[in-house]
Amino acid sequence: MNGAGVRQAVLATHNPHKVIEFEQIIRATRPDFELLGYDGPEPVEDGVTFTQNALIKARAACAHTGLPAFADDSGVSVDVLGGSPGIFSAYWAGHKKDPVANLHLLLDQISDIADPHRTARFVSVIALVLPGEDGRPGQEHTVEGVWNGRIADAPRGDGGFGYDPIFVPDGQVPWAERTVGEWTDAEKAEASHRARAFRALEPLLERL
């Protein structure tokens, strides 16, 4: 605890962009949570689903810190690619985790696909692992958020990170469509796949 009514949790990531996005999401909905950065070892993410990898990261952070741990595993799934990159989104162009190379490889792979068939979605699974009485990870919970859209034909916008500059969310008026790279941080924090997943987690947080 850190002051009356404030609860601490650790976010199991070394990605500074993801930390900032989570802080914005949590600040808007749960100011009673203080989100701490994670400086512990990075586990091998050898799961074959977003859920498995999110749990691997949350368990490691909970065991290392003794605190409740959030972890997000997320990526973009493109229909014409059979749901890929999916869990390999961060490594799509190789293990250097180069976001620019990932983005351009994906664009190249679907360069001949017409706009109506470039449908895709951002997927986020958030895992919450609570410390058990013996100091080891205890209760585990997972939720999923999905943000539907399609892949643009070229990057647009300097905001966000990862595949944001080529993802066009559904629900926009056709003459004013923007990629997530053109959205403000506040807009993204309200509508993103991570925000949707966190909203699904909120009823659980109320009971803890």
N, C-alpha and C. Protein backbone atom coordinates (compact mmCIF):
# COMPACT_ATOMS: atom_id res chain seq x y z
N MET A 1 0.84 -1.20 0.00
CA MET A 1 0.00 0.00 0.00
C MET A 1 0.87 1.24 0.00
N ASN A 2 0.34 2.31 -0.59
CA ASN A 2 1.08 3.57 -0.66
C ASN A 2 0.11 4.69 -0.35
N GLY A 3 -0.18 4.87 0.96
CA GLY A 3 -1.17 5.86 1.34
C GLY A 3 -2.54 5.22 1.40
N ALA A 4 -3.45 5.90 2.13
CA ALA A 4 -4.78 5.35 2.34
C ALA A 4 -5.53 5.20 1.02
N GLY A 5 -6.03 4.00 0.79
CA GLY A 5 -6.88 3.77 -0.36
C GLY A 5 -6.17 3.59 -1.68
N VAL A 6 -4.85 3.70 -1.70
CA VAL A 6 -4.11 3.55 -2.95
C VAL A 6 -3.47 2.17 -2.99
N ARG A 7 -3.71 1.46 -4.07
CA ARG A 7 -3.16 0.11 -4.22
C ARG A 7 -2.10 0.10 -5.31
N GLN A 8 -1.07 -0.67 -5.07
CA GLN A 8 0.03 -0.75 -6.02
C GLN A 8 -0.04 -2.04 -6.81
N ALA A 9 0.32 -1.93 -8.07
CA ALA A 9 0.44 -3.10 -8.94
C ALA A 9 1.59 -2.84 -9.89
N VAL A 10 2.20 -3.90 -10.36
CA VAL A 10 3.33 -3.77 -11.28
C VAL A 10 2.86 -4.15 -12.68
N LEU A 11 3.37 -3.43 -13.68
CA LEU A 11 3.06 -3.75 -15.06
C LEU A 11 4.25 -4.50 -15.65
N ALA A 12 4.02 -5.73 -16.07
CA ALA A 12 5.11 -6.61 -16.50
C ALA A 12 5.49 -6.34 -17.95
N THR A 13 6.23 -5.25 -18.14
CA THR A 13 6.74 -4.95 -19.47
C THR A 13 7.97 -4.07 -19.36
N HIS A 14 8.85 -4.19 -20.34
CA HIS A 14 9.99 -3.28 -20.47
C HIS A 14 9.77 -2.30 -21.62
N ASN A 15 8.55 -2.29 -22.17
CA ASN A 15 8.21 -1.41 -23.29
C ASN A 15 7.70 -0.08 -22.74
N PRO A 16 8.47 1.01 -22.87
CA PRO A 16 8.03 2.29 -22.28
C PRO A 16 6.75 2.83 -22.90
N HIS A 17 6.51 2.55 -24.19
CA HIS A 17 5.28 3.00 -24.82
C HIS A 17 4.06 2.35 -24.17
N LYS A 18 4.19 1.07 -23.87
CA LYS A 18 3.08 0.35 -23.27
C LYS A 18 2.82 0.85 -21.85
N VAL A 19 3.88 1.19 -21.12
CA VAL A 19 3.72 1.73 -19.76
C VAL A 19 2.93 3.03 -19.81
N ILE A 20 3.29 3.92 -20.72
CA ILE A 20 2.59 5.21 -20.84
C ILE A 20 1.12 5.00 -21.17
N GLU A 21 0.84 4.09 -22.12
CA GLU A 21 -0.55 3.85 -22.51
C GLU A 21 -1.35 3.28 -21.35
N PHE A 22 -0.79 2.34 -20.61
CA PHE A 22 -1.50 1.77 -19.47
C PHE A 22 -1.74 2.82 -18.39
N GLU A 23 -0.76 3.66 -18.14
CA GLU A 23 -0.94 4.71 -17.14
C GLU A 23 -2.10 5.62 -17.50
N GLN A 24 -2.23 5.95 -18.79
CA GLN A 24 -3.33 6.81 -19.23
C GLN A 24 -4.67 6.12 -19.05
N ILE A 25 -4.72 4.84 -19.38
CA ILE A 25 -5.97 4.08 -19.23
C ILE A 25 -6.37 3.97 -17.77
N ILE A 26 -5.43 3.61 -16.92
CA ILE A 26 -5.74 3.39 -15.51
C ILE A 26 -6.05 4.70 -14.80
N ARG A 27 -5.32 5.77 -15.16
CA ARG A 27 -5.55 7.06 -14.52
C ARG A 27 -6.98 7.55 -14.74
N ALA A 28 -7.52 7.25 -15.93
CA ALA A 28 -8.86 7.73 -16.27
C ALA A 28 -9.96 6.96 -15.54
N THR A 29 -9.68 5.72 -15.17
CA THR A 29 -10.75 4.89 -14.62
C THR A 29 -10.51 4.43 -13.18
N ARG A 30 -9.26 4.24 -12.80
CA ARG A 30 -8.95 3.73 -11.47
C ARG A 30 -7.80 4.51 -10.84
N PRO A 31 -8.08 5.76 -10.40
CA PRO A 31 -7.01 6.55 -9.78
C PRO A 31 -6.51 5.98 -8.46
N ASP A 32 -7.23 4.97 -7.91
CA ASP A 32 -6.78 4.35 -6.67
C ASP A 32 -5.67 3.34 -6.89
N PHE A 33 -5.29 3.10 -8.18
CA PHE A 33 -4.19 2.18 -8.48
C PHE A 33 -2.94 2.97 -8.85
N GLU A 34 -1.83 2.61 -8.23
CA GLU A 34 -0.54 3.16 -8.60
C GLU A 34 0.20 2.08 -9.40
N LEU A 35 0.48 2.38 -10.65
CA LEU A 35 1.12 1.41 -11.53
C LEU A 35 2.62 1.58 -11.46
N LEU A 36 3.32 0.53 -11.08
CA LEU A 36 4.77 0.57 -10.94
C LEU A 36 5.44 -0.07 -12.14
N GLY A 37 6.59 0.45 -12.52
CA GLY A 37 7.37 -0.14 -13.59
C GLY A 37 8.02 -1.44 -13.13
N TYR A 38 8.41 -2.25 -14.10
CA TYR A 38 9.01 -3.56 -13.81
C TYR A 38 10.44 -3.58 -14.30
N ASP A 39 11.36 -3.91 -13.40
CA ASP A 39 12.78 -3.94 -13.76
C ASP A 39 13.37 -5.34 -13.59
N GLY A 40 12.51 -6.33 -13.47
CA GLY A 40 12.98 -7.69 -13.26
C GLY A 40 13.30 -8.41 -14.54
N PRO A 41 13.63 -9.68 -14.45
CA PRO A 41 13.99 -10.47 -15.63
C PRO A 41 12.81 -10.63 -16.57
N GLU A 42 13.11 -10.67 -17.86
CA GLU A 42 12.08 -10.85 -18.87
C GLU A 42 11.96 -12.34 -19.19
N PRO A 43 10.80 -12.94 -18.95
CA PRO A 43 10.68 -14.39 -19.16
C PRO A 43 10.62 -14.73 -20.65
N VAL A 44 10.86 -15.98 -20.95
CA VAL A 44 10.71 -16.46 -22.32
C VAL A 44 9.22 -16.62 -22.61
N GLU A 45 8.75 -15.92 -23.63
CA GLU A 45 7.34 -15.98 -24.00
C GLU A 45 7.16 -17.11 -25.01
N ASP A 46 7.01 -18.31 -24.49
CA ASP A 46 6.93 -19.48 -25.36
C ASP A 46 5.51 -20.03 -25.47
N GLY A 47 4.52 -19.21 -25.11
CA GLY A 47 3.14 -19.61 -25.29
C GLY A 47 2.74 -19.52 -26.75
N VAL A 48 1.62 -20.13 -27.08
CA VAL A 48 1.14 -20.12 -28.46
C VAL A 48 -0.15 -19.32 -28.60
N THR A 49 -0.55 -18.61 -27.54
CA THR A 49 -1.70 -17.72 -27.59
C THR A 49 -1.36 -16.44 -26.83
N PHE A 50 -2.14 -15.38 -27.09
CA PHE A 50 -1.97 -14.15 -26.33
C PHE A 50 -2.17 -14.43 -24.83
N THR A 51 -3.15 -15.24 -24.49
CA THR A 51 -3.45 -15.53 -23.08
C THR A 51 -2.28 -16.21 -22.40
N GLN A 52 -1.71 -17.21 -23.04
CA GLN A 52 -0.58 -17.92 -22.43
C GLN A 52 0.60 -16.98 -22.20
N ASN A 53 0.91 -16.14 -23.17
CA ASN A 53 2.06 -15.25 -23.02
C ASN A 53 1.80 -14.16 -21.98
N ALA A 54 0.56 -13.66 -21.91
CA ALA A 54 0.25 -12.66 -20.88
C ALA A 54 0.42 -13.25 -19.49
N LEU A 55 -0.02 -14.47 -19.30
CA LEU A 55 0.13 -15.12 -18.00
C LEU A 55 1.59 -15.38 -17.66
N ILE A 56 2.38 -15.78 -18.63
CA ILE A 56 3.81 -16.00 -18.39
C ILE A 56 4.45 -14.74 -17.84
N LYS A 57 4.15 -13.60 -18.45
CA LYS A 57 4.75 -12.34 -18.02
C LYS A 57 4.23 -11.89 -16.66
N ALA A 58 2.92 -12.03 -16.43
CA ALA A 58 2.36 -11.60 -15.15
C ALA A 58 2.86 -12.47 -14.00
N ARG A 59 2.97 -13.77 -14.22
CA ARG A 59 3.48 -14.66 -13.18
C ARG A 59 4.91 -14.28 -12.80
N ALA A 60 5.74 -14.00 -13.80
CA ALA A 60 7.14 -13.66 -13.53
C ALA A 60 7.24 -12.37 -12.73
N ALA A 61 6.45 -11.37 -13.10
CA ALA A 61 6.50 -10.09 -12.39
C ALA A 61 5.95 -10.21 -10.98
N CYS A 62 4.90 -10.99 -10.80
CA CYS A 62 4.34 -11.20 -9.45
C CYS A 62 5.35 -11.91 -8.56
N ALA A 63 6.00 -12.95 -9.10
CA ALA A 63 6.98 -13.70 -8.31
C ALA A 63 8.18 -12.83 -7.95
N HIS A 64 8.58 -11.95 -8.87
CA HIS A 64 9.77 -11.11 -8.65
C HIS A 64 9.51 -9.99 -7.65
N THR A 65 8.30 -9.42 -7.67
CA THR A 65 8.02 -8.24 -6.85
C THR A 65 7.17 -8.53 -5.62
N GLY A 66 6.43 -9.63 -5.63
CA GLY A 66 5.51 -9.90 -4.54
C GLY A 66 4.26 -9.04 -4.58
N LEU A 67 4.05 -8.35 -5.70
CA LEU A 67 2.90 -7.45 -5.87
C LEU A 67 1.94 -8.02 -6.90
N PRO A 68 0.67 -7.58 -6.87
CA PRO A 68 -0.22 -7.91 -7.99
C PRO A 68 0.42 -7.44 -9.29
N ALA A 69 0.31 -8.25 -10.33
CA ALA A 69 0.99 -7.93 -11.59
C ALA A 69 0.02 -7.99 -12.75
N PHE A 70 0.03 -6.90 -13.52
CA PHE A 70 -0.67 -6.87 -14.80
C PHE A 70 0.32 -7.20 -15.91
N ALA A 71 -0.15 -7.87 -16.93
CA ALA A 71 0.66 -8.05 -18.14
C ALA A 71 -0.28 -8.05 -19.33
N ASP A 72 0.19 -7.44 -20.40
CA ASP A 72 -0.57 -7.41 -21.64
C ASP A 72 0.21 -8.16 -22.71
N ASP A 73 -0.48 -9.00 -23.45
CA ASP A 73 0.10 -9.56 -24.66
C ASP A 73 -0.85 -9.20 -25.79
N SER A 74 -0.31 -8.59 -26.81
CA SER A 74 -1.18 -8.02 -27.83
C SER A 74 -0.51 -8.04 -29.19
N GLY A 75 -1.31 -7.79 -30.20
CA GLY A 75 -0.78 -7.75 -31.56
C GLY A 75 -1.89 -7.47 -32.55
N VAL A 76 -1.50 -7.46 -33.80
CA VAL A 76 -2.46 -7.24 -34.88
C VAL A 76 -2.67 -8.55 -35.63
N SER A 77 -3.92 -8.84 -35.93
CA SER A 77 -4.27 -10.06 -36.67
C SER A 77 -4.97 -9.65 -37.97
N VAL A 78 -4.38 -10.06 -39.09
CA VAL A 78 -4.88 -9.68 -40.41
C VAL A 78 -5.59 -10.87 -41.03
N ASP A 79 -6.83 -10.68 -41.44
CA ASP A 79 -7.64 -11.80 -41.91
C ASP A 79 -7.03 -12.51 -43.11
N VAL A 80 -6.56 -11.75 -44.09
CA VAL A 80 -6.05 -12.37 -45.30
C VAL A 80 -4.75 -13.15 -45.04
N LEU A 81 -4.12 -12.90 -43.91
CA LEU A 81 -2.92 -13.64 -43.51
C LEU A 81 -3.25 -14.74 -42.51
N GLY A 82 -4.52 -15.09 -42.42
CA GLY A 82 -4.91 -16.16 -41.52
C GLY A 82 -4.79 -15.81 -40.05
N GLY A 83 -4.84 -14.52 -39.73
CA GLY A 83 -4.73 -14.08 -38.35
C GLY A 83 -3.33 -13.67 -37.94
N SER A 84 -2.36 -13.81 -38.82
CA SER A 84 -0.99 -13.35 -38.55
C SER A 84 -0.94 -11.83 -38.75
N PRO A 85 0.07 -11.19 -38.14
CA PRO A 85 1.17 -11.70 -37.32
C PRO A 85 0.75 -12.28 -35.96
N GLY A 86 -0.37 -11.80 -35.40
CA GLY A 86 -0.83 -12.36 -34.14
C GLY A 86 0.20 -12.28 -33.03
N ILE A 87 0.47 -13.40 -32.39
CA ILE A 87 1.41 -13.40 -31.25
C ILE A 87 2.84 -13.09 -31.68
N PHE A 88 3.10 -13.11 -32.99
CA PHE A 88 4.44 -12.80 -33.49
C PHE A 88 4.57 -11.34 -33.95
N SER A 89 3.61 -10.51 -33.59
CA SER A 89 3.58 -9.13 -34.10
C SER A 89 4.87 -8.37 -33.81
N ALA A 90 5.41 -8.52 -32.61
CA ALA A 90 6.61 -7.76 -32.24
C ALA A 90 7.86 -8.27 -32.96
N TYR A 91 7.79 -9.50 -33.48
CA TYR A 91 8.96 -10.13 -34.10
C TYR A 91 8.74 -10.43 -35.58
N TRP A 92 7.76 -9.78 -36.20
CA TRP A 92 7.35 -10.19 -37.55
C TRP A 92 8.49 -10.09 -38.55
N ALA A 93 9.36 -9.13 -38.39
CA ALA A 93 10.48 -8.96 -39.32
C ALA A 93 11.78 -9.50 -38.74
N GLY A 94 11.72 -10.23 -37.63
CA GLY A 94 12.92 -10.79 -37.02
C GLY A 94 13.01 -10.49 -35.54
N HIS A 95 13.95 -11.13 -34.87
CA HIS A 95 14.03 -11.03 -33.41
C HIS A 95 14.64 -9.73 -32.90
N LYS A 96 14.98 -8.81 -33.78
CA LYS A 96 15.45 -7.50 -33.34
C LYS A 96 14.30 -6.63 -32.82
N LYS A 97 13.05 -7.08 -33.02
CA LYS A 97 11.87 -6.34 -32.59
C LYS A 97 11.89 -4.92 -33.15
N ASP A 98 12.07 -4.81 -34.45
CA ASP A 98 12.13 -3.52 -35.12
C ASP A 98 10.72 -3.14 -35.58
N PRO A 99 10.05 -2.18 -34.92
CA PRO A 99 8.66 -1.87 -35.26
C PRO A 99 8.49 -1.32 -36.67
N VAL A 100 9.47 -0.57 -37.16
CA VAL A 100 9.36 -0.02 -38.51
C VAL A 100 9.48 -1.14 -39.54
N ALA A 101 10.42 -2.04 -39.33
CA ALA A 101 10.58 -3.17 -40.25
C ALA A 101 9.35 -4.07 -40.21
N ASN A 102 8.79 -4.28 -39.02
CA ASN A 102 7.57 -5.09 -38.91
C ASN A 102 6.44 -4.51 -39.74
N LEU A 103 6.25 -3.22 -39.58
CA LEU A 103 5.16 -2.52 -40.26
C LEU A 103 5.31 -2.61 -41.77
N HIS A 104 6.51 -2.35 -42.27
CA HIS A 104 6.71 -2.34 -43.72
C HIS A 104 6.66 -3.75 -44.31
N LEU A 105 7.09 -4.75 -43.56
CA LEU A 105 6.96 -6.11 -44.05
C LEU A 105 5.49 -6.49 -44.20
N LEU A 106 4.69 -6.14 -43.21
CA LEU A 106 3.26 -6.43 -43.29
C LEU A 106 2.62 -5.73 -44.49
N LEU A 107 2.95 -4.46 -44.69
CA LEU A 107 2.40 -3.73 -45.84
C LEU A 107 2.80 -4.39 -47.15
N ASP A 108 4.05 -4.83 -47.23
CA ASP A 108 4.52 -5.48 -48.45
C ASP A 108 3.79 -6.79 -48.72
N GLN A 109 3.52 -7.53 -47.65
CA GLN A 109 2.87 -8.83 -47.81
C GLN A 109 1.45 -8.72 -48.34
N ILE A 110 0.77 -7.61 -48.05
CA ILE A 110 -0.62 -7.47 -48.52
C ILE A 110 -0.76 -6.32 -49.52
N SER A 111 0.34 -5.96 -50.17
CA SER A 111 0.32 -4.80 -51.07
C SER A 111 -0.64 -4.96 -52.24
N ASP A 112 -0.91 -6.19 -52.67
CA ASP A 112 -1.80 -6.42 -53.80
C ASP A 112 -3.25 -6.69 -53.38
N ILE A 113 -3.52 -6.61 -52.10
CA ILE A 113 -4.86 -6.89 -51.60
C ILE A 113 -5.70 -5.61 -51.62
N ALA A 114 -6.88 -5.69 -52.23
CA ALA A 114 -7.76 -4.53 -52.32
C ALA A 114 -8.30 -4.14 -50.95
N ASP A 115 -8.65 -2.88 -50.80
CA ASP A 115 -9.05 -2.32 -49.51
C ASP A 115 -10.16 -3.11 -48.81
N PRO A 116 -11.21 -3.56 -49.48
CA PRO A 116 -12.27 -4.28 -48.75
C PRO A 116 -11.79 -5.56 -48.07
N HIS A 117 -10.67 -6.09 -48.51
CA HIS A 117 -10.18 -7.36 -47.97
C HIS A 117 -8.99 -7.19 -47.02
N ARG A 118 -8.72 -5.96 -46.61
CA ARG A 118 -7.58 -5.70 -45.71
C ARG A 118 -8.04 -5.64 -44.26
N THR A 119 -9.12 -6.35 -43.94
CA THR A 119 -9.67 -6.32 -42.59
C THR A 119 -8.69 -6.92 -41.58
N ALA A 120 -8.73 -6.35 -40.39
CA ALA A 120 -7.78 -6.76 -39.34
C ALA A 120 -8.34 -6.37 -37.99
N ARG A 121 -7.65 -6.76 -36.96
CA ARG A 121 -8.05 -6.35 -35.62
C ARG A 121 -6.82 -6.31 -34.72
N PHE A 122 -6.84 -5.37 -33.80
CA PHE A 122 -5.90 -5.37 -32.70
C PHE A 122 -6.50 -6.22 -31.58
N VAL A 123 -5.70 -7.08 -30.99
CA VAL A 123 -6.15 -7.94 -29.89
C VAL A 123 -5.24 -7.70 -28.68
N SER A 124 -5.84 -7.56 -27.52
CA SER A 124 -5.07 -7.45 -26.28
C SER A 124 -5.65 -8.41 -25.25
N VAL A 125 -4.80 -9.21 -24.65
CA VAL A 125 -5.19 -10.01 -23.49
C VAL A 125 -4.42 -9.46 -22.29
N ILE A 126 -5.14 -9.08 -21.26
CA ILE A 126 -4.52 -8.61 -20.02
C ILE A 126 -4.67 -9.70 -18.98
N ALA A 127 -3.56 -10.06 -18.39
CA ALA A 127 -3.55 -11.03 -17.28
C ALA A 127 -3.30 -10.28 -15.98
N LEU A 128 -3.99 -10.67 -14.95
CA LEU A 128 -3.74 -10.17 -13.60
C LEU A 128 -3.43 -11.37 -12.71
N VAL A 129 -2.25 -11.34 -12.11
CA VAL A 129 -1.84 -12.41 -11.20
C VAL A 129 -1.63 -11.81 -9.82
N LEU A 130 -2.27 -12.40 -8.82
CA LEU A 130 -2.19 -11.91 -7.45
C LEU A 130 -1.24 -12.77 -6.63
N PRO A 131 -0.50 -12.16 -5.71
CA PRO A 131 0.41 -12.96 -4.88
C PRO A 131 -0.36 -13.87 -3.94
N GLY A 132 0.12 -15.09 -3.78
CA GLY A 132 -0.49 -16.03 -2.86
C GLY A 132 0.07 -15.88 -1.46
N GLU A 133 -0.48 -16.61 -0.54
CA GLU A 133 -0.04 -16.51 0.85
C GLU A 133 1.38 -17.00 1.04
N ASP A 134 1.85 -17.90 0.17
CA ASP A 134 3.20 -18.44 0.31
C ASP A 134 4.24 -17.61 -0.44
N GLY A 135 3.82 -16.45 -0.96
CA GLY A 135 4.76 -15.59 -1.68
C GLY A 135 4.86 -15.90 -3.16
N ARG A 136 4.29 -17.03 -3.56
CA ARG A 136 4.31 -17.38 -4.97
C ARG A 136 3.04 -16.86 -5.64
N PRO A 137 3.02 -16.77 -6.98
CA PRO A 137 1.81 -16.31 -7.66
C PRO A 137 0.59 -17.14 -7.27
N GLY A 138 -0.53 -16.45 -7.04
CA GLY A 138 -1.74 -17.11 -6.60
C GLY A 138 -2.84 -17.03 -7.66
N GLN A 139 -3.92 -16.31 -7.35
CA GLN A 139 -5.05 -16.22 -8.28
C GLN A 139 -4.63 -15.61 -9.62
N GLU A 140 -5.24 -16.12 -10.69
CA GLU A 140 -4.95 -15.63 -12.03
C GLU A 140 -6.26 -15.32 -12.75
N HIS A 141 -6.25 -14.20 -13.48
CA HIS A 141 -7.43 -13.78 -14.23
C HIS A 141 -6.97 -13.22 -15.57
N THR A 142 -7.75 -13.46 -16.61
CA THR A 142 -7.44 -12.90 -17.93
C THR A 142 -8.71 -12.33 -18.56
N VAL A 143 -8.52 -11.27 -19.35
CA VAL A 143 -9.61 -10.66 -20.12
C VAL A 143 -9.06 -10.32 -21.50
N GLU A 144 -9.97 -10.16 -22.45
CA GLU A 144 -9.56 -9.86 -23.83
C GLU A 144 -10.28 -8.63 -24.34
N GLY A 145 -9.55 -7.80 -25.09
CA GLY A 145 -10.14 -6.68 -25.79
C GLY A 145 -9.82 -6.76 -27.27
N VAL A 146 -10.79 -6.49 -28.13
CA VAL A 146 -10.62 -6.57 -29.58
C VAL A 146 -11.04 -5.24 -30.20
N TRP A 147 -10.22 -4.73 -31.11
CA TRP A 147 -10.49 -3.46 -31.81
C TRP A 147 -10.44 -3.75 -33.30
N ASN A 148 -11.60 -3.73 -33.94
CA ASN A 148 -11.69 -4.09 -35.35
C ASN A 148 -11.35 -2.91 -36.26
N GLY A 149 -10.81 -3.24 -37.43
CA GLY A 149 -10.49 -2.22 -38.40
C GLY A 149 -9.92 -2.84 -39.66
N ARG A 150 -9.03 -2.11 -40.31
CA ARG A 150 -8.37 -2.65 -41.50
C ARG A 150 -7.01 -1.99 -41.63
N ILE A 151 -6.20 -2.55 -42.53
CA ILE A 151 -4.84 -2.06 -42.72
C ILE A 151 -4.82 -1.03 -43.86
N ALA A 152 -4.25 0.14 -43.58
CA ALA A 152 -4.12 1.18 -44.59
C ALA A 152 -3.09 0.76 -45.64
N ASP A 153 -3.03 1.51 -46.75
CA ASP A 153 -2.06 1.16 -47.80
C ASP A 153 -0.70 1.79 -47.57
N ALA A 154 -0.59 2.70 -46.59
CA ALA A 154 0.68 3.35 -46.27
C ALA A 154 0.59 3.93 -44.86
N PRO A 155 1.71 4.08 -44.16
CA PRO A 155 1.67 4.66 -42.81
C PRO A 155 1.20 6.11 -42.84
N ARG A 156 0.42 6.47 -41.82
CA ARG A 156 -0.01 7.86 -41.66
C ARG A 156 0.00 8.20 -40.18
N GLY A 157 0.59 9.34 -39.84
CA GLY A 157 0.60 9.82 -38.47
C GLY A 157 1.86 9.46 -37.72
N ASP A 158 2.19 10.30 -36.75
CA ASP A 158 3.41 10.11 -35.96
C ASP A 158 3.11 9.66 -34.53
N GLY A 159 1.85 9.44 -34.21
CA GLY A 159 1.49 9.06 -32.85
C GLY A 159 1.51 7.57 -32.66
N GLY A 160 1.29 7.17 -31.40
CA GLY A 160 1.22 5.75 -31.08
C GLY A 160 2.54 5.04 -31.28
N PHE A 161 2.46 3.73 -31.47
CA PHE A 161 3.66 2.93 -31.68
C PHE A 161 3.26 1.63 -32.36
N GLY A 162 4.24 0.84 -32.74
CA GLY A 162 3.96 -0.44 -33.38
C GLY A 162 3.23 -0.27 -34.71
N TYR A 163 2.11 -0.94 -34.84
CA TYR A 163 1.35 -0.93 -36.09
C TYR A 163 0.31 0.20 -36.14
N ASP A 164 0.30 1.08 -35.15
CA ASP A 164 -0.69 2.16 -35.10
C ASP A 164 -0.78 2.97 -36.40
N PRO A 165 0.35 3.33 -37.04
CA PRO A 165 0.24 4.18 -38.23
C PRO A 165 -0.40 3.53 -39.44
N ILE A 166 -0.65 2.20 -39.39
CA ILE A 166 -1.29 1.56 -40.55
C ILE A 166 -2.63 0.92 -40.18
N PHE A 167 -3.11 1.15 -38.95
CA PHE A 167 -4.38 0.55 -38.53
C PHE A 167 -5.47 1.61 -38.54
N VAL A 168 -6.52 1.35 -39.32
CA VAL A 168 -7.66 2.26 -39.44
C VAL A 168 -8.84 1.62 -38.71
N PRO A 169 -9.23 2.14 -37.53
CA PRO A 169 -10.32 1.52 -36.78
C PRO A 169 -11.66 1.68 -37.48
N ASP A 170 -12.52 0.69 -37.28
CA ASP A 170 -13.90 0.78 -37.77
C ASP A 170 -14.65 1.89 -37.03
N GLY A 171 -15.78 2.30 -37.64
CA GLY A 171 -16.68 3.23 -36.97
C GLY A 171 -16.42 4.69 -37.25
N GLN A 172 -15.47 5.01 -38.13
CA GLN A 172 -15.19 6.39 -38.48
C GLN A 172 -15.97 6.78 -39.74
N VAL A 173 -16.26 8.06 -39.89
CA VAL A 173 -16.92 8.50 -41.13
C VAL A 173 -15.92 8.37 -42.27
N PRO A 174 -16.34 7.87 -43.43
CA PRO A 174 -15.39 7.54 -44.51
C PRO A 174 -14.51 8.70 -44.94
N TRP A 175 -15.05 9.92 -44.97
CA TRP A 175 -14.26 11.05 -45.48
C TRP A 175 -13.30 11.63 -44.43
N ALA A 176 -13.32 11.06 -43.23
CA ALA A 176 -12.43 11.58 -42.18
C ALA A 176 -11.72 10.45 -41.44
N GLU A 177 -11.54 9.32 -42.12
CA GLU A 177 -10.89 8.19 -41.47
C GLU A 177 -9.42 8.49 -41.17
N ARG A 178 -9.00 8.07 -40.00
CA ARG A 178 -7.61 8.25 -39.60
C ARG A 178 -7.03 6.93 -39.11
N THR A 179 -5.73 6.76 -39.30
CA THR A 179 -5.05 5.65 -38.65
C THR A 179 -4.89 6.00 -37.17
N VAL A 180 -4.59 5.00 -36.36
CA VAL A 180 -4.37 5.26 -34.93
C VAL A 180 -3.16 6.16 -34.74
N GLY A 181 -2.23 6.14 -35.69
CA GLY A 181 -1.09 7.04 -35.63
C GLY A 181 -1.48 8.49 -35.73
N GLU A 182 -2.72 8.77 -36.18
CA GLU A 182 -3.22 10.14 -36.28
C GLU A 182 -4.17 10.50 -35.14
N TRP A 183 -4.42 9.56 -34.26
CA TRP A 183 -5.28 9.82 -33.11
C TRP A 183 -4.48 10.48 -31.99
N THR A 184 -5.19 11.19 -31.11
CA THR A 184 -4.54 11.71 -29.92
C THR A 184 -4.37 10.58 -28.90
N ASP A 185 -3.48 10.80 -27.93
CA ASP A 185 -3.30 9.80 -26.88
C ASP A 185 -4.60 9.57 -26.12
N ALA A 186 -5.35 10.64 -25.88
CA ALA A 186 -6.60 10.52 -25.13
C ALA A 186 -7.63 9.69 -25.90
N GLU A 187 -7.71 9.90 -27.21
CA GLU A 187 -8.63 9.12 -28.03
C GLU A 187 -8.26 7.64 -27.99
N LYS A 188 -6.98 7.36 -28.13
CA LYS A 188 -6.55 5.97 -28.13
C LYS A 188 -6.79 5.32 -26.77
N ALA A 189 -6.53 6.05 -25.69
CA ALA A 189 -6.71 5.50 -24.35
C ALA A 189 -8.17 5.16 -24.08
N GLU A 190 -9.09 5.81 -24.79
CA GLU A 190 -10.51 5.55 -24.61
C GLU A 190 -11.00 4.36 -25.42
N ALA A 191 -10.43 4.17 -26.62
CA ALA A 191 -11.02 3.23 -27.57
C ALA A 191 -10.18 2.00 -27.86
N SER A 192 -8.92 1.97 -27.47
CA SER A 192 -8.00 0.92 -27.93
C SER A 192 -8.37 -0.46 -27.41
N HIS A 193 -7.72 -1.46 -27.99
CA HIS A 193 -7.91 -2.84 -27.54
C HIS A 193 -7.50 -3.02 -26.09
N ARG A 194 -6.45 -2.32 -25.66
CA ARG A 194 -6.05 -2.42 -24.26
C ARG A 194 -7.08 -1.77 -23.34
N ALA A 195 -7.63 -0.63 -23.76
CA ALA A 195 -8.68 0.01 -22.97
C ALA A 195 -9.89 -0.89 -22.85
N ARG A 196 -10.25 -1.57 -23.93
CA ARG A 196 -11.40 -2.47 -23.91
C ARG A 196 -11.14 -3.65 -22.98
N ALA A 197 -9.93 -4.18 -23.03
CA ALA A 197 -9.60 -5.28 -22.13
C ALA A 197 -9.63 -4.83 -20.68
N PHE A 198 -9.09 -3.65 -20.41
CA PHE A 198 -9.06 -3.17 -19.02
C PHE A 198 -10.46 -2.93 -18.49
N ARG A 199 -11.36 -2.42 -19.34
CA ARG A 199 -12.75 -2.23 -18.90
C ARG A 199 -13.38 -3.57 -18.52
N ALA A 200 -13.02 -4.63 -19.24
CA ALA A 200 -13.54 -5.95 -18.90
C ALA A 200 -12.98 -6.44 -17.57
N LEU A 201 -11.82 -5.90 -17.18
CA LEU A 201 -11.18 -6.30 -15.92
C LEU A 201 -11.72 -5.52 -14.72
N GLU A 202 -12.30 -4.35 -14.96
CA GLU A 202 -12.71 -3.48 -13.86
C GLU A 202 -13.67 -4.13 -12.86
N PRO A 203 -14.69 -4.89 -13.32
CA PRO A 203 -15.56 -5.52 -12.31
C PRO A 203 -14.81 -6.43 -11.36
N LEU A 204 -13.76 -7.08 -11.86
CA LEU A 204 -12.94 -7.94 -11.01
C LEU A 204 -12.18 -7.09 -9.99
N LEU A 205 -11.63 -5.97 -10.44
CA LEU A 205 -10.88 -5.11 -9.51
C LEU A 205 -11.76 -4.60 -8.39
N GLU A 206 -13.04 -4.37 -8.68
CA GLU A 206 -13.96 -3.90 -7.66
C GLU A 206 -14.13 -4.94 -6.54
N ARG A 207 -14.00 -6.21 -6.90
CA ARG A 207 -14.20 -7.27 -5.91
C ARG A 207 -12.95 -7.61 -5.12
N LEU A 208 -11.80 -7.17 -5.59
CA LEU A 208 -10.56 -7.55 -4.91
C LEU A 208 -10.39 -6.78 -3.61
